[in-house]
Amino acid sequence: MSSSPSFFGPSASSRRHFLAKNALGISSLASAWLLNREGLLAQPKPSLEQVTYDLLPKRPIEAPRAQAMISIFTGGGPSHLDLFDYKPALEKYAGQQFPGKDIKYDNAGQATSIVMPSKWKFNRRGECGMEINDTLLPHFAEITDEVTLIRSMNLPNIRNHVAGMRALTTGRGPEGWPSLGSWITYGLGAESQNLPAFVALVLGGNPPGSPFWDSRHLPSVYQGTIVRETEPRIANLRPPMHLRGEAQKNQLGLLDKLNRDHLAELPGEDDLSARIASYELAARMQTEATDALDLSRESEATKKLYGLDDPTTQRMGEACLLARRLVERGVRFVQIWNYGWDMHENLFAALEGACAKADKPAAGLVKDLKGRGLLDSTIVQWGGEMGRLPVVQNRGAGREPGRDHNTEGFSLWMAGGGLKKGHIHGATDEFGHRAVQDIVTQHDFHCTLLRQFGLDPDSLTYQHSGQSVALVEKGQGSVVDGILA
C-alpha cells in the first residue's frame, strides 16, 4: 500500500516538498524581518532583576551649577517688541509698508504689512544698562543685574501656540513626549522624599492642548503634580473623615501588600513599580505638602514683596511664593503656567494688564531667592513660546490693533543657577522679526539647562519599547556657552 511521502523522509527532498515543509518557518522569518524594519518587533523580555523607579537623589555626571528650576511660562507669547527688544526702525517706518523680507504670518487672513511701533519708551536699567520697557516692567528693571536676557529665541518650523509650548517643554512640536520637568527629575530625583519632585502650578485654567507636565514614555513617578491656584491646591490630598487615622493606615497597608504581591509575579513591570512609588509618596505628602503650601507662615514683608497684598498681583504672587517654598524643601522643578499673553487685538491695553499682574511677583521671586542664598543654585526662567510680529494685526472694524505670532525671533529671560548676570545674548534683525545673531533654538535651550544640572544631553535617555528616547536627540542642539558664568 503506497502512502503519501513523509515530510521528514528522504522522499521529501524536492523543492515543492521543501517549501511545503518549511512554509511556516519561512513566513515567520519574513514577518520578523518586516516587523523589525518597521520597528514593531517585540523586544527581549526584561531582566528578572526588579527595576525600581523612585525620587531618591541621583549623582549627576558633572558638577551641577543648579539644583532646582522655577519656570514661569507666560503662555500666549509676550510681545518682545514692547517689553525687551527696542527697535528704532519701527518708529522710522511707523504706518508704512513693511520694507523687510517676507513676513511669516500665522494668520494671513487678518494680517497687514503696516509697521506698528511700540507706544512706550525704553530705558537702560541697572549697572549692566539693559534696555527695557521699564514703564510696564518697573520691578523687572530692579533685577536686570541678575538676569540673562536672550533676545534670539527661535522655534524652527513652528507657528502656533500648542506646538510652541510643546517645543519649549518637551523638545518637539508634535504631541506625546516627556516634559522637561520629567526629564530633570528622572535624571536627578529629588532632595525631598515627602514632596513631588515636579510640580505644575496652573493659573487661570489649564493651557490649551495636552498637559505639558506629563511623563509620557518615562515612568509615571516623574510626571508633574498639579497644584491649583485656590484651595484645595492638591486634589484628594486629605482623606475623608471616616477614613482618617487607623482606617486609612490599614487600607494603605492592604493596598501596598496586594501591589507588591502582584509586582513579584510581574518582575520588570515598570508602570506598576512607579504606581507603587506614587502611592507611597501620596501618603507621605499629606503632612509635608500641607505645610509647604501654607502661606500663612510667611512674614508680612515677604507677602508684600510678592504682591499678596494687592488683588492685581495676588494670584501670581501666591504662585511664585509657593514655588520658592517648594524648592527650598527639595522640589526639583516647579513650572508656573501663566496663560494669557496672546494679544492679537487691543495689544497695548492687554499688555498693560498682563504685566501689572506678573511683573512684581516674578521680580519678587528673584529678590527673595537671592536674599535667602538660593538664587545661585536655582534657575528662574520667564517667557513664553513665541513673541509678536512688528506689523499690525487687525481683527475688524472698531477693534484696536494687535500683533500676530512670531516664532522666528523672540525674547525670554533667566536668572541664577550659574548663568551670567546683567547679560544680553543674541539679537533679532532691525525690525525684531527674525533672530539673526547667536540664535537659540529649543534644543539649545534644553541642552544648556541640562548641562547646568550636571546632566549630559546625549546620555540622558530612556529605553521605551525598544527605542531610546531623549529630550534632545543627538546632533539637534548644543550648549549656549555665551550665557554661562
Protein backbone atom coordinates (compact mmCIF):
# COMPACT_ATOMS: atom_id res chain seq x y z
CA MET A 1 0.00 0.00 0.00
CA SER A 2 1.51 3.24 -1.06
CA SER A 3 1.47 6.18 1.24
CA SER A 4 2.00 9.86 0.87
CA PRO A 5 5.65 10.83 1.15
CA SER A 6 6.68 11.77 4.64
CA PHE A 7 7.68 15.38 5.24
CA PHE A 8 10.60 14.06 7.23
CA GLY A 9 11.70 11.20 4.96
CA PRO A 10 14.16 11.01 2.08
CA SER A 11 11.38 11.45 -0.47
CA ALA A 12 10.73 14.98 0.82
CA SER A 13 13.76 16.44 -0.92
CA SER A 14 12.04 18.10 -3.89
CA ARG A 15 11.64 21.87 -3.98
CA ARG A 16 7.84 21.52 -3.66
CA HIS A 17 8.14 19.38 -0.56
CA PHE A 18 10.82 21.66 0.87
CA LEU A 19 8.56 24.69 0.56
CA ALA A 20 5.60 22.82 1.98
CA LYS A 21 7.64 21.52 4.87
CA ASN A 22 9.14 24.93 5.75
CA ALA A 23 6.27 27.25 4.86
CA LEU A 24 5.62 28.28 8.44
CA GLY A 25 9.29 28.83 9.16
CA ILE A 26 9.89 30.96 6.08
CA SER A 27 6.80 33.08 6.71
CA SER A 28 7.92 33.61 10.28
CA LEU A 29 11.31 34.82 9.11
CA ALA A 30 9.66 37.17 6.62
CA SER A 31 7.29 38.51 9.27
CA ALA A 32 10.14 39.06 11.69
CA TRP A 33 12.14 40.92 9.05
CA LEU A 34 9.19 43.16 8.19
CA LEU A 35 8.36 43.85 11.82
CA ASN A 36 11.98 44.67 12.58
CA ARG A 37 12.15 47.04 9.60
CA GLU A 38 9.05 48.89 10.89
CA GLY A 39 10.36 48.97 14.45
CA LEU A 40 7.48 46.77 15.67
CA LEU A 41 9.37 43.62 16.61
CA ALA A 42 8.85 42.63 20.23
CA GLN A 43 11.90 43.26 22.36
CA PRO A 44 13.62 40.69 24.55
CA LYS A 45 11.99 40.08 27.90
CA PRO A 46 13.33 42.34 30.64
CA SER A 47 15.76 41.05 33.16
CA LEU A 48 14.22 39.27 36.12
CA GLU A 49 16.10 41.69 38.33
CA GLN A 50 13.50 44.17 39.58
CA VAL A 51 13.87 47.73 38.32
CA THR A 52 12.87 50.37 40.84
CA TYR A 53 11.91 53.91 39.92
CA ASP A 54 11.90 56.42 42.73
CA LEU A 55 12.75 60.02 43.55
CA LEU A 56 15.89 59.36 45.55
CA PRO A 57 18.68 61.83 44.75
CA LYS A 58 20.96 60.72 41.93
CA ARG A 59 24.52 61.78 41.29
CA PRO A 60 24.85 63.92 38.13
CA ILE A 61 27.58 63.21 35.59
CA GLU A 62 29.25 66.57 36.11
CA ALA A 63 29.34 69.06 38.97
CA PRO A 64 25.98 70.87 38.77
CA ARG A 65 25.57 74.62 38.92
CA ALA A 66 21.82 74.35 39.53
CA GLN A 67 19.84 72.21 41.96
CA ALA A 68 16.32 73.38 41.11
CA MET A 69 14.39 75.33 38.49
CA ILE A 70 11.32 77.56 38.56
CA SER A 71 9.85 78.19 35.13
CA ILE A 72 7.28 80.99 34.80
CA PHE A 73 5.76 80.03 31.47
CA THR A 74 3.91 83.01 30.02
CA GLY A 75 1.74 81.14 27.55
CA GLY A 76 0.46 83.02 24.54
CA GLY A 77 3.57 84.91 23.56
CA PRO A 78 4.56 88.20 25.28
CA SER A 79 5.46 90.92 22.80
CA HIS A 80 9.24 91.17 22.93
CA LEU A 81 9.00 94.32 20.78
CA ASP A 82 7.07 96.09 23.53
CA LEU A 83 8.99 94.71 26.51
CA PHE A 84 12.57 93.59 25.87
CA ASP A 85 13.74 94.33 22.33
CA TYR A 86 13.63 98.01 21.35
CA LYS A 87 13.69 98.64 17.60
CA PRO A 88 14.08 102.26 16.37
CA ALA A 89 13.23 101.09 12.82
CA LEU A 90 9.63 100.54 13.92
CA GLU A 91 9.34 104.24 14.71
CA LYS A 92 11.08 105.23 11.48
CA TYR A 93 8.64 103.22 9.35
CA ALA A 94 5.55 103.62 11.55
CA GLY A 95 2.37 103.39 9.50
CA GLN A 96 4.27 102.44 6.33
CA GLN A 97 4.52 99.19 4.41
CA PHE A 98 6.99 96.78 5.96
CA PRO A 99 10.25 97.20 3.99
CA GLY A 100 11.92 93.99 5.10
CA LYS A 101 11.78 90.43 3.82
CA ASP A 102 8.57 88.41 3.68
CA ILE A 103 6.74 88.25 6.98
CA LYS A 104 5.97 84.83 8.44
CA TYR A 105 2.29 85.27 9.30
CA ASP A 106 0.40 82.68 11.30
CA ASN A 107 -2.99 84.21 10.44
CA ALA A 108 -2.70 85.73 6.99
CA GLY A 109 -6.43 86.49 6.85
CA GLN A 110 -6.18 89.20 9.49
CA ALA A 111 -2.67 90.29 8.65
CA THR A 112 -1.41 93.60 7.35
CA SER A 113 2.07 94.73 6.37
CA ILE A 114 1.77 98.08 8.18
CA VAL A 115 4.61 98.66 10.62
CA MET A 116 3.50 99.26 14.21
CA PRO A 117 5.96 100.73 16.74
CA SER A 118 5.70 100.32 20.47
CA LYS A 119 3.88 103.08 22.35
CA TRP A 120 6.34 103.01 25.26
CA LYS A 121 9.84 104.34 25.69
CA PHE A 122 12.68 102.00 26.60
CA ASN A 123 15.33 102.93 29.13
CA ARG A 124 18.61 101.41 30.24
CA ARG A 125 18.39 99.98 33.74
CA GLY A 126 20.85 98.53 36.21
CA GLU A 127 24.63 98.74 36.14
CA CYS A 128 24.51 96.50 33.08
CA GLY A 129 22.47 99.09 31.16
CA MET A 130 19.89 96.60 29.91
CA GLU A 131 17.43 98.45 27.66
CA ILE A 132 13.86 97.51 28.55
CA ASN A 133 10.33 98.89 28.88
CA ASP A 134 10.58 99.99 32.50
CA THR A 135 7.11 101.56 32.35
CA LEU A 136 5.42 98.14 32.15
CA LEU A 137 8.24 96.30 33.94
CA PRO A 138 9.34 98.59 36.78
CA HIS A 139 10.10 95.68 39.11
CA PHE A 140 11.99 93.71 36.48
CA ALA A 141 14.04 96.87 36.00
CA GLU A 142 15.28 96.39 39.57
CA ILE A 143 16.70 92.90 38.90
CA THR A 144 18.34 93.37 35.47
CA ASP A 145 21.79 92.95 37.02
CA GLU A 146 20.80 89.39 37.99
CA VAL A 147 19.38 88.45 34.60
CA THR A 148 20.47 86.92 31.32
CA LEU A 149 18.15 88.23 28.59
CA ILE A 150 18.06 86.06 25.46
CA ARG A 151 16.84 88.12 22.50
CA SER A 152 17.42 85.45 19.84
CA MET A 153 15.00 82.62 20.61
CA ASN A 154 13.80 80.76 17.54
CA LEU A 155 11.48 77.78 17.08
CA PRO A 156 12.11 76.40 13.58
CA ASN A 157 9.05 75.35 11.54
CA ILE A 158 6.58 76.17 14.33
CA ARG A 159 3.83 78.79 14.13
CA ASN A 160 1.04 78.11 16.65
CA HIS A 161 0.75 78.10 20.41
CA VAL A 162 0.35 74.45 21.32
CA ALA A 163 3.22 73.29 19.11
CA GLY A 164 5.38 76.07 20.51
CA MET A 165 4.54 75.17 24.10
CA ARG A 166 5.35 71.55 23.38
CA ALA A 167 8.64 72.53 21.76
CA LEU A 168 9.81 74.50 24.79
CA THR A 169 8.53 71.97 27.34
CA THR A 170 9.13 68.63 25.57
CA GLY A 171 11.65 69.50 22.85
CA ARG A 172 9.26 68.71 19.98
CA GLY A 173 6.26 70.31 18.34
CA PRO A 174 4.24 67.08 17.94
CA GLU A 175 2.27 65.72 20.87
CA GLY A 176 3.27 62.84 23.09
CA TRP A 177 6.75 63.35 24.59
CA PRO A 178 8.07 63.65 28.17
CA SER A 179 8.31 67.14 29.59
CA LEU A 180 11.45 68.97 30.67
CA GLY A 181 10.48 68.68 34.35
CA SER A 182 10.05 64.93 33.99
CA TRP A 183 13.46 64.55 32.36
CA ILE A 184 15.23 66.55 35.06
CA THR A 185 13.58 64.60 37.87
CA TYR A 186 14.29 61.32 36.05
CA GLY A 187 17.94 62.31 35.81
CA LEU A 188 18.38 63.70 39.33
CA GLY A 189 15.50 62.61 41.56
CA ALA A 190 14.51 64.94 44.40
CA GLU A 191 16.09 66.03 47.66
CA SER A 192 12.80 65.50 49.48
CA GLN A 193 11.01 62.16 49.60
CA ASN A 194 7.88 63.72 51.09
CA LEU A 195 7.07 66.06 48.21
CA PRO A 196 6.78 65.53 44.46
CA ALA A 197 9.93 66.28 42.51
CA PHE A 198 7.99 68.10 39.78
CA VAL A 199 5.10 70.49 40.42
CA ALA A 200 2.89 72.34 37.92
CA LEU A 201 1.21 75.45 39.34
CA VAL A 202 -1.65 76.24 36.97
CA LEU A 203 -3.18 79.73 36.90
CA GLY A 204 -6.36 80.71 35.09
CA GLY A 205 -7.35 77.22 33.97
CA ASN A 206 -5.36 74.64 32.07
CA PRO A 207 -3.45 75.87 28.99
CA PRO A 208 -4.75 74.57 25.65
CA GLY A 209 -3.81 71.18 24.25
CA SER A 210 -2.45 68.19 26.11
CA PRO A 211 -0.77 68.69 29.50
CA PHE A 212 2.83 69.82 29.39
CA TRP A 213 3.76 68.20 32.69
CA ASP A 214 3.27 64.60 31.52
CA SER A 215 5.99 61.97 31.88
CA ARG A 216 4.75 60.10 28.76
CA HIS A 217 7.44 57.49 27.96
CA LEU A 218 9.04 57.86 31.39
CA PRO A 219 7.58 56.08 34.45
CA SER A 220 4.64 57.98 35.93
CA VAL A 221 6.51 58.75 39.15
CA TYR A 222 8.27 61.51 37.17
CA GLN A 223 5.16 63.31 35.97
CA GLY A 224 4.20 66.70 37.37
CA THR A 225 1.80 67.06 40.28
CA ILE A 226 -0.79 69.76 39.63
CA VAL A 227 -1.16 72.45 42.29
CA ARG A 228 -4.17 74.70 41.76
CA GLU A 229 -4.41 78.42 42.34
CA THR A 230 -7.09 78.07 45.05
CA GLU A 231 -7.81 75.62 47.83
CA PRO A 232 -7.72 72.68 47.82
CA ARG A 233 -4.48 73.19 45.95
CA ILE A 234 -3.83 69.44 45.54
CA ALA A 235 -6.89 67.36 44.73
CA ASN A 236 -7.73 64.47 47.08
CA LEU A 237 -4.72 65.11 49.29
CA ARG A 238 -6.69 64.69 52.51
CA PRO A 239 -8.84 61.57 53.01
CA PRO A 240 -12.49 61.88 54.04
CA MET A 241 -13.12 61.95 57.79
CA HIS A 242 -14.30 58.34 58.02
CA LEU A 243 -11.03 57.07 56.51
CA ARG A 244 -8.55 59.07 58.55
CA GLY A 245 -6.26 57.58 61.14
CA GLU A 246 -6.16 53.81 61.67
CA ALA A 247 -8.69 53.12 58.89
CA GLN A 248 -6.51 54.76 56.27
CA LYS A 249 -3.38 53.11 57.64
CA ASN A 250 -4.96 49.65 57.34
CA GLN A 251 -6.32 50.38 53.88
CA LEU A 252 -2.97 51.60 52.57
CA GLY A 253 -1.20 48.64 54.17
CA LEU A 254 -3.50 46.19 52.38
CA LEU A 255 -3.14 48.05 49.08
CA ASP A 256 0.65 48.01 49.39
CA LYS A 257 0.69 44.24 50.08
CA LEU A 258 -1.56 43.49 47.11
CA ASN A 259 0.55 45.69 44.81
CA ARG A 260 3.83 44.13 45.91
CA ASP A 261 2.47 40.60 45.59
CA HIS A 262 1.36 41.50 42.09
CA LEU A 263 4.74 43.04 41.29
CA ALA A 264 6.51 39.87 42.49
CA GLU A 265 4.59 37.95 39.84
CA LEU A 266 5.49 40.51 37.16
CA PRO A 267 9.18 41.39 37.59
CA GLY A 268 10.28 44.30 35.44
CA GLU A 269 6.79 45.83 35.21
CA ASP A 270 7.91 49.48 35.26
CA ASP A 271 4.46 51.08 35.36
CA LEU A 272 3.37 49.03 38.36
CA SER A 273 6.60 49.81 40.20
CA ALA A 274 6.12 53.52 39.51
CA ARG A 275 2.49 53.35 40.66
CA ILE A 276 3.53 51.85 43.99
CA ALA A 277 6.08 54.63 44.46
CA SER A 278 3.40 57.23 43.64
CA TYR A 279 1.02 55.79 46.27
CA GLU A 280 3.76 55.86 48.88
CA LEU A 281 4.62 59.47 48.01
CA ALA A 282 0.95 60.50 48.21
CA ALA A 283 0.71 59.14 51.73
CA ARG A 284 3.84 61.00 52.87
CA MET A 285 2.65 64.23 51.21
CA GLN A 286 -0.38 64.53 53.46
CA THR A 287 1.71 66.19 56.15
CA GLU A 288 4.63 67.70 54.25
CA ALA A 289 2.64 69.24 51.38
CA THR A 290 0.13 70.79 53.73
CA ASP A 291 2.98 72.61 55.44
CA ALA A 292 4.71 73.63 52.20
CA LEU A 293 1.52 75.11 50.76
CA ASP A 294 0.64 77.10 53.89
CA LEU A 295 1.44 80.72 53.06
CA SER A 296 0.22 81.98 56.42
CA ARG A 297 3.63 81.08 57.83
CA GLU A 298 5.31 83.79 55.77
CA SER A 299 6.05 87.25 57.14
CA GLU A 300 4.01 90.25 56.06
CA ALA A 301 7.13 91.75 54.46
CA THR A 302 7.61 88.66 52.32
CA LYS A 303 3.95 88.61 51.28
CA LYS A 304 4.22 92.24 50.26
CA LEU A 305 7.40 91.55 48.28
CA TYR A 306 5.42 89.13 46.10
CA GLY A 307 2.34 91.36 45.91
CA LEU A 308 -0.03 89.26 48.02
CA ASP A 309 -1.43 92.48 49.49
CA ASP A 310 -2.78 93.61 46.09
CA PRO A 311 -5.66 91.82 44.30
CA THR A 312 -3.97 92.51 40.96
CA THR A 313 -0.82 90.60 41.84
CA GLN A 314 -2.17 88.21 44.47
CA ARG A 315 -2.67 85.08 42.32
CA MET A 316 0.70 85.26 40.59
CA GLY A 317 2.34 86.32 43.84
CA GLU A 318 0.98 83.26 45.64
CA ALA A 319 2.22 81.00 42.84
CA CYS A 320 5.74 82.48 42.94
CA LEU A 321 5.86 82.30 46.73
CA LEU A 322 4.65 78.69 46.67
CA ALA A 323 7.38 77.92 44.14
CA ARG A 324 10.04 79.30 46.47
CA ARG A 325 8.63 77.32 49.42
CA LEU A 326 8.67 74.14 47.35
CA VAL A 327 12.22 74.41 46.01
CA GLU A 328 13.64 75.25 49.42
CA ARG A 329 12.06 72.00 50.65
CA GLY A 330 13.71 69.89 47.97
CA VAL A 331 11.33 70.03 45.00
CA ARG A 332 13.43 69.87 41.85
CA PHE A 333 11.27 71.55 39.19
CA VAL A 334 8.33 73.95 39.51
CA GLN A 335 6.51 75.28 36.48
CA ILE A 336 4.06 78.16 36.86
CA TRP A 337 1.58 78.22 33.98
CA ASN A 338 0.56 81.84 33.39
CA TYR A 339 -1.51 81.70 30.22
CA GLY A 340 -2.96 84.98 28.94
CA TRP A 341 -0.36 86.68 26.73
CA ASP A 342 -1.93 86.01 23.30
CA MET A 343 -2.67 89.55 22.11
CA HIS A 344 -3.99 89.59 18.56
CA GLU A 345 -6.01 92.72 19.30
CA ASN A 346 -6.07 95.55 21.82
CA LEU A 347 -2.39 94.86 22.38
CA PHE A 348 -1.40 97.89 24.39
CA ALA A 349 -4.18 97.71 26.99
CA ALA A 350 -3.92 93.92 27.24
CA LEU A 351 -0.16 94.06 27.75
CA GLU A 352 -0.52 96.66 30.49
CA GLY A 353 -2.93 94.38 32.32
CA ALA A 354 -0.80 91.25 31.97
CA CYS A 355 2.38 92.98 33.10
CA ALA A 356 0.63 94.54 36.08
CA LYS A 357 -0.22 91.02 37.30
CA ALA A 358 3.11 89.34 36.59
CA ASP A 359 5.96 91.85 36.95
CA LYS A 360 6.12 92.34 40.71
CA PRO A 361 5.72 88.64 41.70
CA ALA A 362 8.40 87.45 39.25
CA ALA A 363 10.89 90.10 40.36
CA GLY A 364 9.99 89.42 44.00
CA LEU A 365 10.83 85.75 43.48
CA VAL A 366 14.32 86.58 42.21
CA LYS A 367 14.90 89.03 45.07
CA ASP A 368 13.66 86.56 47.67
CA LEU A 369 15.76 83.67 46.35
CA LYS A 370 18.83 85.88 46.33
CA GLY A 371 18.17 87.10 49.88
CA ARG A 372 17.88 83.51 51.11
CA GLY A 373 21.02 82.34 49.32
CA LEU A 374 19.03 80.13 46.93
CA LEU A 375 19.44 82.00 43.65
CA ASP A 376 22.92 80.65 42.93
CA SER A 377 21.51 77.11 42.88
CA THR A 378 18.06 77.85 41.39
CA ILE A 379 17.33 78.78 37.80
CA VAL A 380 14.39 81.15 37.30
CA GLN A 381 13.06 81.39 33.75
CA TRP A 382 10.39 83.77 32.42
CA GLY A 383 8.95 83.66 28.92
CA GLY A 384 6.55 82.03 26.51
CA GLU A 385 6.51 80.03 23.31
CA MET A 386 6.75 82.99 20.92
CA GLY A 387 6.90 86.75 20.53
CA ARG A 388 4.87 89.04 18.24
CA LEU A 389 5.26 90.48 14.74
CA PRO A 390 6.34 94.08 14.00
CA VAL A 391 3.23 94.78 11.93
CA VAL A 392 -0.42 95.47 12.66
CA GLN A 393 -2.91 92.67 13.03
CA ASN A 394 -6.50 93.88 12.77
CA ARG A 395 -9.48 91.70 13.55
CA GLY A 396 -12.12 94.05 12.20
CA ALA A 397 -13.70 97.48 12.35
CA GLY A 398 -13.87 99.07 15.77
CA ARG A 399 -11.18 96.84 17.25
CA GLU A 400 -7.82 98.05 18.48
CA PRO A 401 -4.81 96.54 16.69
CA GLY A 402 -2.65 93.72 17.97
CA ARG A 403 0.28 91.64 16.81
CA ASP A 404 0.30 88.14 15.29
CA HIS A 405 2.52 85.25 16.39
CA ASN A 406 6.28 85.34 15.84
CA THR A 407 8.38 82.24 16.48
CA GLU A 408 11.20 83.44 14.20
CA GLY A 409 12.69 85.67 16.88
CA PHE A 410 11.64 86.48 20.45
CA SER A 411 12.92 87.00 23.99
CA LEU A 412 12.98 85.25 27.34
CA TRP A 413 14.98 85.84 30.48
CA MET A 414 16.66 83.66 33.08
CA ALA A 415 18.44 84.25 36.37
CA GLY A 416 20.53 82.24 38.83
CA GLY A 417 21.90 78.71 38.55
CA GLY A 418 25.32 79.62 37.16
CA LEU A 419 24.05 81.90 34.38
CA LYS A 420 25.60 85.25 33.54
CA LYS A 421 24.29 88.32 35.33
CA GLY A 422 23.28 91.52 33.60
CA HIS A 423 23.87 89.93 30.21
CA ILE A 424 22.14 90.19 26.82
CA HIS A 425 22.56 87.28 24.43
CA GLY A 426 21.80 87.35 20.71
CA ALA A 427 19.79 89.73 18.59
CA THR A 428 16.94 89.94 16.12
CA ASP A 429 17.00 91.90 12.85
CA GLU A 430 16.31 95.65 12.79
CA PHE A 431 12.54 95.02 12.92
CA GLY A 432 12.58 92.33 15.61
CA HIS A 433 11.18 89.78 13.15
CA ARG A 434 13.90 87.12 12.90
CA ALA A 435 16.71 86.05 15.20
CA VAL A 436 19.94 86.76 13.33
CA GLN A 437 22.75 86.61 15.89
CA ASP A 438 23.63 83.79 18.33
CA ILE A 439 20.32 82.03 17.62
CA VAL A 440 18.93 79.81 20.40
CA THR A 441 16.50 77.03 19.49
CA GLN A 442 14.52 74.94 21.95
CA HIS A 443 17.16 72.22 21.59
CA ASP A 444 19.96 74.64 22.53
CA PHE A 445 17.85 75.90 25.43
CA HIS A 446 17.32 72.37 26.77
CA CYS A 447 20.96 71.33 26.27
CA THR A 448 22.04 74.34 28.31
CA LEU A 449 19.60 73.67 31.14
CA LEU A 450 20.60 70.01 31.37
CA ARG A 451 24.27 70.97 31.47
CA GLN A 452 23.64 73.38 34.35
CA PHE A 453 22.09 70.48 36.25
CA GLY A 454 25.17 68.37 35.58
CA LEU A 455 23.38 66.16 33.06
CA ASP A 456 24.64 65.15 29.64
CA PRO A 457 22.00 65.70 26.92
CA ASP A 458 23.39 62.77 24.90
CA SER A 459 23.36 60.23 27.72
CA LEU A 460 20.10 61.27 29.41
CA THR A 461 17.99 58.63 27.66
CA TYR A 462 15.29 56.09 28.47
CA GLN A 463 14.57 52.79 26.76
CA HIS A 464 10.91 52.64 25.78
CA SER A 465 9.52 49.76 23.70
CA GLY A 466 13.00 49.02 22.44
CA GLN A 467 13.74 52.59 21.40
CA SER A 468 15.99 55.15 23.03
CA VAL A 469 14.04 58.28 23.97
CA ALA A 470 15.74 61.59 24.84
CA LEU A 471 14.82 65.20 25.50
CA VAL A 472 17.36 66.30 22.90
CA GLU A 473 18.25 63.93 20.09
CA LYS A 474 21.93 63.73 19.22
CA GLY A 475 23.10 66.49 16.94
CA GLN A 476 19.99 68.65 17.37
CA GLY A 477 21.24 71.15 19.92
CA SER A 478 24.28 72.50 21.69
CA VAL A 479 25.05 74.24 24.96
CA VAL A 480 24.81 78.04 24.76
CA ASP A 481 28.17 78.79 26.35
CA GLY A 482 27.64 82.52 25.89
CA ILE A 483 25.12 82.71 28.74
CA LEU A 484 27.12 80.65 31.25
CA ALA A 485 29.00 82.41 34.03
